[in-house]
Amino acid sequence: MSLDLFAGIPVSDYTVALAWYERLFGTPPVFFPNDTEAVWELAEHRYIYIEHLPARAGNALHTLFVDDLDTRIAGIADRGLKPTQRETYSNGVRKITYHDPDGNEIGLGGGPAPT
């Protein structure tokens, strides 16, 4: 089975959100379907996009699991964003949560911290 994923994030201020997500992901979008959407490819056929939908802004919840959690978190910090929450679950899995200017939640998860 082939699988493409497009996960959407409604935002109230497209320009502000575009700049914030470029800092979060460390790259500009891979394409712009129109003048109210921007799309990033996080992995092959796995996309996340922002869309100017003010009435729906602030309600997205997405968690991305990555192999290189500490490297990604350090890169995001270097680009000026700080997490709003850090959690470690009983099984050692960690989740680092960010909130965009609208309150949309983007979590990054990964295995235990290196020893």
PDB file of N, CA and C in Angstrom:
ATOM      1  N   MET A   1       0.837  -1.171   0.000  1.00  0.00           N
ATOM      2  CA  MET A   1       0.000   0.000   0.000  1.00  0.00           C
ATOM      3  C   MET A   1       0.884   1.238   0.000  1.00  0.00           C
ATOM      4  N   SER A   2       0.618   2.140  -0.896  1.00  0.00           N
ATOM      5  CA  SER A   2       1.300   3.421  -0.937  1.00  0.00           C
ATOM      6  C   SER A   2       0.621   4.359   0.056  1.00  0.00           C
ATOM      7  N   LEU A   3       1.402   5.214   0.693  1.00  0.00           N
ATOM      8  CA  LEU A   3       0.835   6.122   1.681  1.00  0.00           C
ATOM      9  C   LEU A   3       1.489   7.484   1.581  1.00  0.00           C
ATOM     10  N   ASP A   4       0.693   8.506   1.386  1.00  0.00           N
ATOM     11  CA  ASP A   4       1.121   9.890   1.484  1.00  0.00           C
ATOM     12  C   ASP A   4       0.347  10.496   2.644  1.00  0.00           C
ATOM     13  N   LEU A   5       1.011  11.307   3.437  1.00  0.00           N
ATOM     14  CA  LEU A   5       0.359  11.948   4.571  1.00  0.00           C
ATOM     15  C   LEU A   5       0.488  13.453   4.428  1.00  0.00           C
ATOM     16  N   PHE A   6      -0.628  14.164   4.542  1.00  0.00           N
ATOM     17  CA  PHE A   6      -0.662  15.617   4.591  1.00  0.00           C
ATOM     18  C   PHE A   6      -1.360  15.983   5.888  1.00  0.00           C
ATOM     19  N   ALA A   7      -0.608  16.518   6.848  1.00  0.00           N
ATOM     20  CA  ALA A   7      -1.154  16.926   8.142  1.00  0.00           C
ATOM     21  C   ALA A   7      -1.255  18.443   8.160  1.00  0.00           C
ATOM     22  N   GLY A   8      -2.458  18.946   8.377  1.00  0.00           N
ATOM     23  CA  GLY A   8      -2.701  20.374   8.296  1.00  0.00           C
ATOM     24  C   GLY A   8      -2.709  21.082   9.628  1.00  0.00           C
ATOM     25  N   ILE A   9      -2.291  22.352   9.575  1.00  0.00           N
ATOM     26  CA  ILE A   9      -2.266  23.206  10.754  1.00  0.00           C
ATOM     27  C   ILE A   9      -2.932  24.532  10.381  1.00  0.00           C
ATOM     28  N   PRO A  10      -4.106  24.818  10.939  1.00  0.00           N
ATOM     29  CA  PRO A  10      -4.757  26.089  10.654  1.00  0.00           C
ATOM     30  C   PRO A  10      -4.098  27.230  11.431  1.00  0.00           C
ATOM     31  N   VAL A  11      -3.862  28.348  10.754  1.00  0.00           N
ATOM     32  CA  VAL A  11      -3.202  29.501  11.376  1.00  0.00           C
ATOM     33  C   VAL A  11      -4.006  30.769  11.118  1.00  0.00           C
ATOM     34  N   SER A  12      -3.860  31.736  12.022  1.00  0.00           N
ATOM     35  CA  SER A  12      -4.605  32.992  11.874  1.00  0.00           C
ATOM     36  C   SER A  12      -3.813  34.052  11.114  1.00  0.00           C
ATOM     37  N   ASP A  13      -2.488  34.041  11.242  1.00  0.00           N
ATOM     38  CA  ASP A  13      -1.638  35.001  10.543  1.00  0.00           C
ATOM     39  C   ASP A  13      -0.624  34.214   9.729  1.00  0.00           C
ATOM     40  N   TYR A  14      -0.867  34.115   8.448  1.00  0.00           N
ATOM     41  CA  TYR A  14      -0.049  33.284   7.572  1.00  0.00           C
ATOM     42  C   TYR A  14       1.414  33.707   7.577  1.00  0.00           C
ATOM     43  N   THR A  15       1.691  34.992   7.509  1.00  0.00           N
ATOM     44  CA  THR A  15       3.068  35.482   7.445  1.00  0.00           C
ATOM     45  C   THR A  15       3.836  35.142   8.722  1.00  0.00           C
ATOM     46  N   VAL A  16       3.219  35.370   9.869  1.00  0.00           N
ATOM     47  CA  VAL A  16       3.852  35.051  11.155  1.00  0.00           C
ATOM     48  C   VAL A  16       4.081  33.549  11.273  1.00  0.00           C
ATOM     49  N   ALA A  17       3.074  32.763  10.913  1.00  0.00           N
ATOM     50  CA  ALA A  17       3.183  31.300  11.002  1.00  0.00           C
ATOM     51  C   ALA A  17       4.253  30.770  10.055  1.00  0.00           C
ATOM     52  N   LEU A  18       4.328  31.301   8.854  1.00  0.00           N
ATOM     53  CA  LEU A  18       5.331  30.862   7.887  1.00  0.00           C
ATOM     54  C   LEU A  18       6.733  31.039   8.465  1.00  0.00           C
ATOM     55  N   ALA A  19       7.016  32.182   9.042  1.00  0.00           N
ATOM     56  CA  ALA A  19       8.332  32.431   9.638  1.00  0.00           C
ATOM     57  C   ALA A  19       8.586  31.488  10.813  1.00  0.00           C
ATOM     58  N   TRP A  20       7.573  31.256  11.650  1.00  0.00           N
ATOM     59  CA  TRP A  20       7.733  30.394  12.827  1.00  0.00           C
ATOM     60  C   TRP A  20       8.029  28.955  12.402  1.00  0.00           C
ATOM     61  N   TYR A  21       7.285  28.432  11.443  1.00  0.00           N
ATOM     62  CA  TYR A  21       7.495  27.046  11.010  1.00  0.00           C
ATOM     63  C   TYR A  21       8.811  26.881  10.245  1.00  0.00           C
ATOM     64  N   GLU A  22       9.252  27.907   9.553  1.00  0.00           N
ATOM     65  CA  GLU A  22      10.576  27.830   8.928  1.00  0.00           C
ATOM     66  C   GLU A  22      11.655  27.694  10.001  1.00  0.00           C
ATOM     67  N   ARG A  23      11.488  28.390  11.121  1.00  0.00           N
ATOM     68  CA  ARG A  23      12.443  28.243  12.225  1.00  0.00           C
ATOM     69  C   ARG A  23      12.311  26.873  12.877  1.00  0.00           C
ATOM     70  N   LEU A  24      11.092  26.389  13.061  1.00  0.00           N
ATOM     71  CA  LEU A  24      10.898  25.072  13.676  1.00  0.00           C
ATOM     72  C   LEU A  24      11.531  23.972  12.828  1.00  0.00           C
ATOM     73  N   PHE A  25      11.244  23.956  11.535  1.00  0.00           N
ATOM     74  CA  PHE A  25      11.719  22.892  10.652  1.00  0.00           C
ATOM     75  C   PHE A  25      13.118  23.161  10.091  1.00  0.00           C
ATOM     76  N   GLY A  26      13.589  24.396  10.191  1.00  0.00           N
ATOM     77  CA  GLY A  26      14.944  24.722   9.735  1.00  0.00           C
ATOM     78  C   GLY A  26      15.088  24.801   8.233  1.00  0.00           C
ATOM     79  N   THR A  27      13.986  24.978   7.542  1.00  0.00           N
ATOM     80  CA  THR A  27      14.016  25.027   6.084  1.00  0.00           C
ATOM     81  C   THR A  27      12.759  25.729   5.574  1.00  0.00           C
ATOM     82  N   PRO A  28      12.836  26.342   4.412  1.00  0.00           N
ATOM     83  CA  PRO A  28      11.619  26.906   3.826  1.00  0.00           C
ATOM     84  C   PRO A  28      10.707  25.782   3.332  1.00  0.00           C
ATOM     85  N   PRO A  29       9.456  26.085   3.074  1.00  0.00           N
ATOM     86  CA  PRO A  29       8.545  25.076   2.531  1.00  0.00           C
ATOM     87  C   PRO A  29       9.064  24.517   1.201  1.00  0.00           C
ATOM     88  N   VAL A  30       8.640  23.298   0.888  1.00  0.00           N
ATOM     89  CA  VAL A  30       9.030  22.701  -0.389  1.00  0.00           C
ATOM     90  C   VAL A  30       8.129  23.172  -1.524  1.00  0.00           C
ATOM     91  N   PHE A  31       6.901  23.570  -1.171  1.00  0.00           N
ATOM     92  CA  PHE A  31       6.060  24.186  -2.191  1.00  0.00           C
ATOM     93  C   PHE A  31       4.905  24.942  -1.542  1.00  0.00           C
ATOM     94  N   PHE A  32       4.306  25.806  -2.362  1.00  0.00           N
ATOM     95  CA  PHE A  32       3.170  26.629  -1.969  1.00  0.00           C
ATOM     96  C   PHE A  32       2.019  26.299  -2.925  1.00  0.00           C
ATOM     97  N   PRO A  33       1.011  25.536  -2.482  1.00  0.00           N
ATOM     98  CA  PRO A  33      -0.094  25.193  -3.379  1.00  0.00           C
ATOM     99  C   PRO A  33      -0.886  26.413  -3.857  1.00  0.00           C
ATOM    100  N   ASN A  34      -0.912  27.447  -3.019  1.00  0.00           N
ATOM    101  CA  ASN A  34      -1.605  28.695  -3.337  1.00  0.00           C
ATOM    102  C   ASN A  34      -1.055  29.766  -2.393  1.00  0.00           C
ATOM    103  N   ASP A  35      -1.680  30.938  -2.359  1.00  0.00           N
ATOM    104  CA  ASP A  35      -1.122  32.009  -1.530  1.00  0.00           C
ATOM    105  C   ASP A  35      -1.583  31.976  -0.074  1.00  0.00           C
ATOM    106  N   THR A  36      -2.267  30.901   0.351  1.00  0.00           N
ATOM    107  CA  THR A  36      -2.675  30.769   1.758  1.00  0.00           C
ATOM    108  C   THR A  36      -2.183  29.470   2.390  1.00  0.00           C
ATOM    109  N   GLU A  37      -1.325  28.719   1.681  1.00  0.00           N
ATOM    110  CA  GLU A  37      -0.798  27.460   2.201  1.00  0.00           C
ATOM    111  C   GLU A  37       0.701  27.345   1.927  1.00  0.00           C
ATOM    112  N   ALA A  38       1.399  26.669   2.842  1.00  0.00           N
ATOM    113  CA  ALA A  38       2.813  26.352   2.670  1.00  0.00           C
ATOM    114  C   ALA A  38       3.020  24.916   3.150  1.00  0.00           C
ATOM    115  N   VAL A  39       3.833  24.148   2.415  1.00  0.00           N
ATOM    116  CA  VAL A  39       3.987  22.713   2.671  1.00  0.00           C
ATOM    117  C   VAL A  39       5.458  22.353   2.874  1.00  0.00           C
ATOM    118  N   TRP A  40       5.725  21.586   3.937  1.00  0.00           N
ATOM    119  CA  TRP A  40       7.063  21.038   4.203  1.00  0.00           C
ATOM    120  C   TRP A  40       6.998  19.527   4.065  1.00  0.00           C
ATOM    121  N   GLU A  41       7.995  18.934   3.433  1.00  0.00           N
ATOM    122  CA  GLU A  41       8.096  17.469   3.371  1.00  0.00           C
ATOM    123  C   GLU A  41       9.061  17.042   4.479  1.00  0.00           C
ATOM    124  N   LEU A  42       8.535  16.352   5.483  1.00  0.00           N
ATOM    125  CA  LEU A  42       9.327  15.948   6.637  1.00  0.00           C
ATOM    126  C   LEU A  42      10.058  14.637   6.399  1.00  0.00           C
ATOM    127  N   ALA A  43       9.489  13.789   5.587  1.00  0.00           N
ATOM    128  CA  ALA A  43      10.077  12.520   5.151  1.00  0.00           C
ATOM    129  C   ALA A  43       9.386  12.191   3.838  1.00  0.00           C
ATOM    130  N   GLU A  44       9.911  11.216   3.142  1.00  0.00           N
ATOM    131  CA  GLU A  44       9.331  10.896   1.837  1.00  0.00           C
ATOM    132  C   GLU A  44       7.827  10.630   1.959  1.00  0.00           C
ATOM    133  N   HIS A  45       7.063  11.416   1.231  1.00  0.00           N
ATOM    134  CA  HIS A  45       5.603  11.301   1.183  1.00  0.00           C
ATOM    135  C   HIS A  45       4.920  11.627   2.509  1.00  0.00           C
ATOM    136  N   ARG A  46       5.609  12.342   3.396  1.00  0.00           N
ATOM    137  CA  ARG A  46       5.050  12.749   4.693  1.00  0.00           C
ATOM    138  C   ARG A  46       5.177  14.263   4.781  1.00  0.00           C
ATOM    139  N   TYR A  47       4.046  14.943   4.681  1.00  0.00           N
ATOM    140  CA  TYR A  47       4.030  16.398   4.596  1.00  0.00           C
ATOM    141  C   TYR A  47       3.258  17.003   5.761  1.00  0.00           C
ATOM    142  N   ILE A  48       3.661  18.218   6.136  1.00  0.00           N
ATOM    143  CA  ILE A  48       2.900  19.008   7.079  1.00  0.00           C
ATOM    144  C   ILE A  48       2.713  20.368   6.430  1.00  0.00           C
ATOM    145  N   TYR A  49       1.534  20.938   6.593  1.00  0.00           N
ATOM    146  CA  TYR A  49       1.285  22.216   5.942  1.00  0.00           C
ATOM    147  C   TYR A  49       0.536  23.155   6.872  1.00  0.00           C
ATOM    148  N   ILE A  50       0.775  24.447   6.661  1.00  0.00           N
ATOM    149  CA  ILE A  50      -0.004  25.474   7.331  1.00  0.00           C
ATOM    150  C   ILE A  50      -0.989  26.031   6.314  1.00  0.00           C
ATOM    151  N   GLU A  51      -2.132  26.442   6.832  1.00  0.00           N
ATOM    152  CA  GLU A  51      -3.136  27.053   5.969  1.00  0.00           C
ATOM    153  C   GLU A  51      -3.815  28.183   6.727  1.00  0.00           C
ATOM    154  N   HIS A  52      -3.991  29.303   6.052  1.00  0.00           N
ATOM    155  CA  HIS A  52      -4.648  30.452   6.661  1.00  0.00           C
ATOM    156  C   HIS A  52      -6.141  30.142   6.825  1.00  0.00           C
ATOM    157  N   LEU A  53      -6.513  29.750   8.039  1.00  0.00           N
ATOM    158  CA  LEU A  53      -7.900  29.444   8.411  1.00  0.00           C
ATOM    159  C   LEU A  53      -8.133  30.013   9.814  1.00  0.00           C
ATOM    160  N   PRO A  54      -8.289  31.327   9.931  1.00  0.00           N
ATOM    161  CA  PRO A  54      -8.351  31.974  11.243  1.00  0.00           C
ATOM    162  C   PRO A  54      -9.392  31.381  12.197  1.00  0.00           C
ATOM    163  N   ALA A  55     -10.548  31.009  11.705  1.00  0.00           N
ATOM    164  CA  ALA A  55     -11.602  30.494  12.587  1.00  0.00           C
ATOM    165  C   ALA A  55     -11.233  29.151  13.209  1.00  0.00           C
ATOM    166  N   ARG A  56     -10.299  28.435  12.621  1.00  0.00           N
ATOM    167  CA  ARG A  56      -9.908  27.112  13.119  1.00  0.00           C
ATOM    168  C   ARG A  56      -8.526  27.103  13.763  1.00  0.00           C
ATOM    169  N   ALA A  57      -7.842  28.233  13.769  1.00  0.00           N
ATOM    170  CA  ALA A  57      -6.460  28.304  14.253  1.00  0.00           C
ATOM    171  C   ALA A  57      -6.356  27.934  15.729  1.00  0.00           C
ATOM    172  N   GLY A  58      -5.244  27.277  16.054  1.00  0.00           N
ATOM    173  CA  GLY A  58      -4.931  26.974  17.447  1.00  0.00           C
ATOM    174  C   GLY A  58      -5.371  25.617  17.934  1.00  0.00           C
ATOM    175  N   ASN A  59      -5.928  24.789  17.077  1.00  0.00           N
ATOM    176  CA  ASN A  59      -6.479  23.510  17.522  1.00  0.00           C
ATOM    177  C   ASN A  59      -5.722  22.280  17.031  1.00  0.00           C
ATOM    178  N   ALA A  60      -4.616  22.456  16.342  1.00  0.00           N
ATOM    179  CA  ALA A  60      -3.867  21.305  15.816  1.00  0.00           C
ATOM    180  C   ALA A  60      -3.035  20.653  16.923  1.00  0.00           C
ATOM    181  N   LEU A  61      -2.925  19.330  16.848  1.00  0.00           N
ATOM    182  CA  LEU A  61      -2.086  18.533  17.747  1.00  0.00           C
ATOM    183  C   LEU A  61      -1.349  17.520  16.890  1.00  0.00           C
ATOM    184  N   HIS A  62      -0.034  17.685  16.748  1.00  0.00           N
ATOM    185  CA  HIS A  62       0.756  16.750  15.957  1.00  0.00           C
ATOM    186  C   HIS A  62       1.998  16.359  16.748  1.00  0.00           C
ATOM    187  N   THR A  63       2.354  15.079  16.694  1.00  0.00           N
ATOM    188  CA  THR A  63       3.602  14.610  17.288  1.00  0.00           C
ATOM    189  C   THR A  63       4.378  13.867  16.221  1.00  0.00           C
ATOM    190  N   LEU A  64       5.649  14.233  16.073  1.00  0.00           N
ATOM    191  CA  LEU A  64       6.536  13.635  15.088  1.00  0.00           C
ATOM    192  C   LEU A  64       7.600  12.851  15.834  1.00  0.00           C
ATOM    193  N   PHE A  65       7.774  11.578  15.539  1.00  0.00           N
ATOM    194  CA  PHE A  65       8.833  10.788  16.151  1.00  0.00           C
ATOM    195  C   PHE A  65      10.049  10.811  15.240  1.00  0.00           C
ATOM    196  N   VAL A  66      11.199  11.111  15.836  1.00  0.00           N
ATOM    197  CA  VAL A  66      12.436  11.258  15.074  1.00  0.00           C
ATOM    198  C   VAL A  66      13.546  10.434  15.717  1.00  0.00           C
ATOM    199  N   ASP A  67      14.521  10.023  14.904  1.00  0.00           N
ATOM    200  CA  ASP A  67      15.668   9.258  15.411  1.00  0.00           C
ATOM    201  C   ASP A  67      16.695  10.144  16.101  1.00  0.00           C
ATOM    202  N   ASP A  68      16.762  11.392  15.703  1.00  0.00           N
ATOM    203  CA  ASP A  68      17.806  12.315  16.168  1.00  0.00           C
ATOM    204  C   ASP A  68      17.221  13.450  17.008  1.00  0.00           C
ATOM    205  N   LEU A  69      16.453  13.092  18.022  1.00  0.00           N
ATOM    206  CA  LEU A  69      15.721  14.078  18.816  1.00  0.00           C
ATOM    207  C   LEU A  69      16.635  15.173  19.378  1.00  0.00           C
ATOM    208  N   ASP A  70      17.727  14.794  20.022  1.00  0.00           N
ATOM    209  CA  ASP A  70      18.586  15.801  20.651  1.00  0.00           C
ATOM    210  C   ASP A  70      19.192  16.756  19.629  1.00  0.00           C
ATOM    211  N   THR A  71      19.585  16.252  18.481  1.00  0.00           N
ATOM    212  CA  THR A  71      20.137  17.101  17.425  1.00  0.00           C
ATOM    213  C   THR A  71      19.085  18.073  16.916  1.00  0.00           C
ATOM    214  N   ARG A  72      17.884  17.588  16.708  1.00  0.00           N
ATOM    215  CA  ARG A  72      16.800  18.456  16.227  1.00  0.00           C
ATOM    216  C   ARG A  72      16.457  19.539  17.244  1.00  0.00           C
ATOM    217  N   ILE A  73      16.363  19.155  18.512  1.00  0.00           N
ATOM    218  CA  ILE A  73      16.020  20.118  19.557  1.00  0.00           C
ATOM    219  C   ILE A  73      17.106  21.201  19.647  1.00  0.00           C
ATOM    220  N   ALA A  74      18.357  20.802  19.539  1.00  0.00           N
ATOM    221  CA  ALA A  74      19.460  21.770  19.571  1.00  0.00           C
ATOM    222  C   ALA A  74      19.372  22.722  18.374  1.00  0.00           C
ATOM    223  N   GLY A  75      19.065  22.189  17.192  1.00  0.00           N
ATOM    224  CA  GLY A  75      18.934  23.033  16.006  1.00  0.00           C
ATOM    225  C   GLY A  75      17.789  24.019  16.130  1.00  0.00           C
ATOM    226  N   ILE A  76      16.673  23.561  16.673  1.00  0.00           N
ATOM    227  CA  ILE A  76      15.520  24.449  16.872  1.00  0.00           C
ATOM    228  C   ILE A  76      15.887  25.552  17.865  1.00  0.00           C
ATOM    229  N   ALA A  77      16.589  25.200  18.934  1.00  0.00           N
ATOM    230  CA  ALA A  77      17.028  26.201  19.915  1.00  0.00           C
ATOM    231  C   ALA A  77      17.958  27.220  19.265  1.00  0.00           C
ATOM    232  N   ASP A  78      18.862  26.756  18.402  1.00  0.00           N
ATOM    233  CA  ASP A  78      19.765  27.660  17.689  1.00  0.00           C
ATOM    234  C   ASP A  78      18.996  28.639  16.798  1.00  0.00           C
ATOM    235  N   ARG A  79      17.813  28.236  16.360  1.00  0.00           N
ATOM    236  CA  ARG A  79      16.986  29.108  15.515  1.00  0.00           C
ATOM    237  C   ARG A  79      16.026  29.957  16.353  1.00  0.00           C
ATOM    238  N   GLY A  80      16.162  29.913  17.677  1.00  0.00           N
ATOM    239  CA  GLY A  80      15.440  30.832  18.548  1.00  0.00           C
ATOM    240  C   GLY A  80      14.116  30.367  19.109  1.00  0.00           C
ATOM    241  N   LEU A  81      13.776  29.103  18.957  1.00  0.00           N
ATOM    242  CA  LEU A  81      12.518  28.610  19.530  1.00  0.00           C
ATOM    243  C   LEU A  81      12.796  27.755  20.755  1.00  0.00           C
ATOM    244  N   LYS A  82      11.967  27.934  21.774  1.00  0.00           N
ATOM    245  CA  LYS A  82      12.100  27.160  22.997  1.00  0.00           C
ATOM    246  C   LYS A  82      10.859  26.295  23.189  1.00  0.00           C
ATOM    247  N   PRO A  83      11.047  25.076  23.694  1.00  0.00           N
ATOM    248  CA  PRO A  83       9.884  24.220  23.934  1.00  0.00           C
ATOM    249  C   PRO A  83       9.021  24.771  25.076  1.00  0.00           C
ATOM    250  N   THR A  84       7.754  24.451  25.022  1.00  0.00           N
ATOM    251  CA  THR A  84       6.841  24.837  26.091  1.00  0.00           C
ATOM    252  C   THR A  84       6.704  23.736  27.134  1.00  0.00           C
ATOM    253  N   GLN A  85       7.122  22.522  26.769  1.00  0.00           N
ATOM    254  CA  GLN A  85       7.034  21.401  27.709  1.00  0.00           C
ATOM    255  C   GLN A  85       8.026  20.317  27.313  1.00  0.00           C
ATOM    256  N   ARG A  86       8.568  19.640  28.317  1.00  0.00           N
ATOM    257  CA  ARG A  86       9.439  18.477  28.128  1.00  0.00           C
ATOM    258  C   ARG A  86       8.899  17.366  29.013  1.00  0.00           C
ATOM    259  N   GLU A  87       8.714  16.193  28.419  1.00  0.00           N
ATOM    260  CA  GLU A  87       8.199  15.057  29.178  1.00  0.00           C
ATOM    261  C   GLU A  87       9.066  13.836  28.925  1.00  0.00           C
ATOM    262  N   THR A  88       9.177  12.986  29.931  1.00  0.00           N
ATOM    263  CA  THR A  88       9.792  11.678  29.777  1.00  0.00           C
ATOM    264  C   THR A  88       8.809  10.666  30.358  1.00  0.00           C
ATOM    265  N   TYR A  89       8.380   9.740  29.534  1.00  0.00           N
ATOM    266  CA  TYR A  89       7.412   8.736  29.955  1.00  0.00           C
ATOM    267  C   TYR A  89       8.114   7.574  30.655  1.00  0.00           C
ATOM    268  N   SER A  90       7.355   6.755  31.329  1.00  0.00           N
ATOM    269  CA  SER A  90       7.919   5.650  32.127  1.00  0.00           C
ATOM    270  C   SER A  90       8.725   4.663  31.285  1.00  0.00           C
ATOM    271  N   ASN A  91       8.446   4.588  29.995  1.00  0.00           N
ATOM    272  CA  ASN A  91       9.191   3.684  29.115  1.00  0.00           C
ATOM    273  C   ASN A  91      10.454   4.336  28.537  1.00  0.00           C
ATOM    274  N   GLY A  92      10.749   5.572  28.974  1.00  0.00           N
ATOM    275  CA  GLY A  92      11.947   6.271  28.519  1.00  0.00           C
ATOM    276  C   GLY A  92      11.740   7.153  27.304  1.00  0.00           C
ATOM    277  N   VAL A  93      10.608   7.059  26.646  1.00  0.00           N
ATOM    278  CA  VAL A  93      10.331   7.899  25.479  1.00  0.00           C
ATOM    279  C   VAL A  93      10.176   9.346  25.947  1.00  0.00           C
ATOM    280  N   ARG A  94      10.803  10.238  25.192  1.00  0.00           N
ATOM    281  CA  ARG A  94      10.731  11.662  25.504  1.00  0.00           C
ATOM    282  C   ARG A  94       9.874  12.398  24.489  1.00  0.00           C
ATOM    283  N   LYS A  95       9.207  13.443  24.950  1.00  0.00           N
ATOM    284  CA  LYS A  95       8.413  14.309  24.071  1.00  0.00           C
ATOM    285  C   LYS A  95       8.740  15.751  24.410  1.00  0.00           C
ATOM    286  N   ILE A  96       9.116  16.491  23.377  1.00  0.00           N
ATOM    287  CA  ILE A  96       9.422  17.908  23.497  1.00  0.00           C
ATOM    288  C   ILE A  96       8.323  18.643  22.730  1.00  0.00           C
ATOM    289  N   THR A  97       7.613  19.538  23.408  1.00  0.00           N
ATOM    290  CA  THR A  97       6.447  20.188  22.817  1.00  0.00           C
ATOM    291  C   THR A  97       6.713  21.669  22.557  1.00  0.00           C
ATOM    292  N   TYR A  98       6.266  22.111  21.392  1.00  0.00           N
ATOM    293  CA  TYR A  98       6.321  23.510  20.987  1.00  0.00           C
ATOM    294  C   TYR A  98       4.901  23.966  20.683  1.00  0.00           C
ATOM    295  N   HIS A  99       4.647  25.241  20.900  1.00  0.00           N
ATOM    296  CA  HIS A  99       3.365  25.829  20.528  1.00  0.00           C
ATOM    297  C   HIS A  99       3.635  27.018  19.613  1.00  0.00           C
ATOM    298  N   ASP A 100       2.955  27.037  18.475  1.00  0.00           N
ATOM    299  CA  ASP A 100       3.126  28.150  17.546  1.00  0.00           C
ATOM    300  C   ASP A 100       2.379  29.377  18.084  1.00  0.00           C
ATOM    301  N   PRO A 101       2.468  30.522  17.413  1.00  0.00           N
ATOM    302  CA  PRO A 101       1.812  31.734  17.915  1.00  0.00           C
ATOM    303  C   PRO A 101       0.298  31.608  18.103  1.00  0.00           C
ATOM    304  N   ASP A 102      -0.361  30.664  17.418  1.00  0.00           N
ATOM    305  CA  ASP A 102      -1.797  30.447  17.590  1.00  0.00           C
ATOM    306  C   ASP A 102      -2.112  29.450  18.695  1.00  0.00           C
ATOM    307  N   GLY A 103      -1.097  28.745  19.206  1.00  0.00           N
ATOM    308  CA  GLY A 103      -1.326  27.722  20.214  1.00  0.00           C
ATOM    309  C   GLY A 103      -1.374  26.313  19.657  1.00  0.00           C
ATOM    310  N   ASN A 104      -1.199  26.147  18.340  1.00  0.00           N
ATOM    311  CA  ASN A 104      -1.117  24.802  17.764  1.00  0.00           C
ATOM    312  C   ASN A 104       0.063  24.074  18.394  1.00  0.00           C
ATOM    313  N   GLU A 105      -0.131  22.800  18.714  1.00  0.00           N
ATOM    314  CA  GLU A 105       0.908  22.006  19.381  1.00  0.00           C
ATOM    315  C   GLU A 105       1.640  21.105  18.411  1.00  0.00           C
ATOM    316  N   ILE A 106       2.967  21.227  18.421  1.00  0.00           N
ATOM    317  CA  ILE A 106       3.825  20.350  17.633  1.00  0.00           C
ATOM    318  C   ILE A 106       4.788  19.690  18.612  1.00  0.00           C
ATOM    319  N   GLY A 107       4.687  18.376  18.740  1.00  0.00           N
ATOM    320  CA  GLY A 107       5.569  17.647  19.627  1.00  0.00           C
ATOM    321  C   GLY A 107       6.593  16.856  18.818  1.00  0.00           C
ATOM    322  N   LEU A 108       7.786  16.744  19.362  1.00  0.00           N
ATOM    323  CA  LEU A 108       8.823  15.889  18.790  1.00  0.00           C
ATOM    324  C   LEU A 108       9.116  14.823  19.810  1.00  0.00           C
ATOM    325  N   GLY A 109       9.052  13.565  19.384  1.00  0.00           N
ATOM    326  CA  GLY A 109       9.281  12.473  20.304  1.00  0.00           C
ATOM    327  C   GLY A 109      10.443  11.605  19.858  1.00  0.00           C
ATOM    328  N   GLY A 110      11.030  10.915  20.831  1.00  0.00           N
ATOM    329  CA  GLY A 110      12.134  10.018  20.526  1.00  0.00           C
ATOM    330  C   GLY A 110      12.469   9.176  21.744  1.00  0.00           C
ATOM    331  N   GLY A 111      13.405   8.310  21.541  1.00  0.00           N
ATOM    332  CA  GLY A 111      13.813   7.390  22.584  1.00  0.00           C
ATOM    333  C   GLY A 111      14.512   8.062  23.747  1.00  0.00           C
ATOM    334  N   PRO A 112      15.007   7.271  24.662  1.00  0.00           N
ATOM    335  CA  PRO A 112      15.690   7.796  25.852  1.00  0.00           C
ATOM    336  C   PRO A 112      16.899   8.649  25.468  1.00  0.00           C
ATOM    337  N   ALA A 113      17.230   9.548  26.376  1.00  0.00           N
ATOM    338  CA  ALA A 113      18.414  10.385  26.173  1.00  0.00           C
ATOM    339  C   ALA A 113      19.653   9.500  26.173  1.00  0.00           C
ATOM    340  N   PRO A 114      20.642   9.842  25.346  1.00  0.00           N
ATOM    341  CA  PRO A 114      21.884   9.069  25.334  1.00  0.00           C
ATOM    342  C   PRO A 114      22.548   9.127  26.718  1.00  0.00           C
ATOM    343  N   THR A 115      23.219   8.044  27.077  1.00  0.00           N
ATOM    344  CA  THR A 115      23.897   8.027  28.385  1.00  0.00           C
ATOM    345  C   THR A 115      25.367   8.271  28.226  1.00  0.00           C
TER     346      THR A 115
END
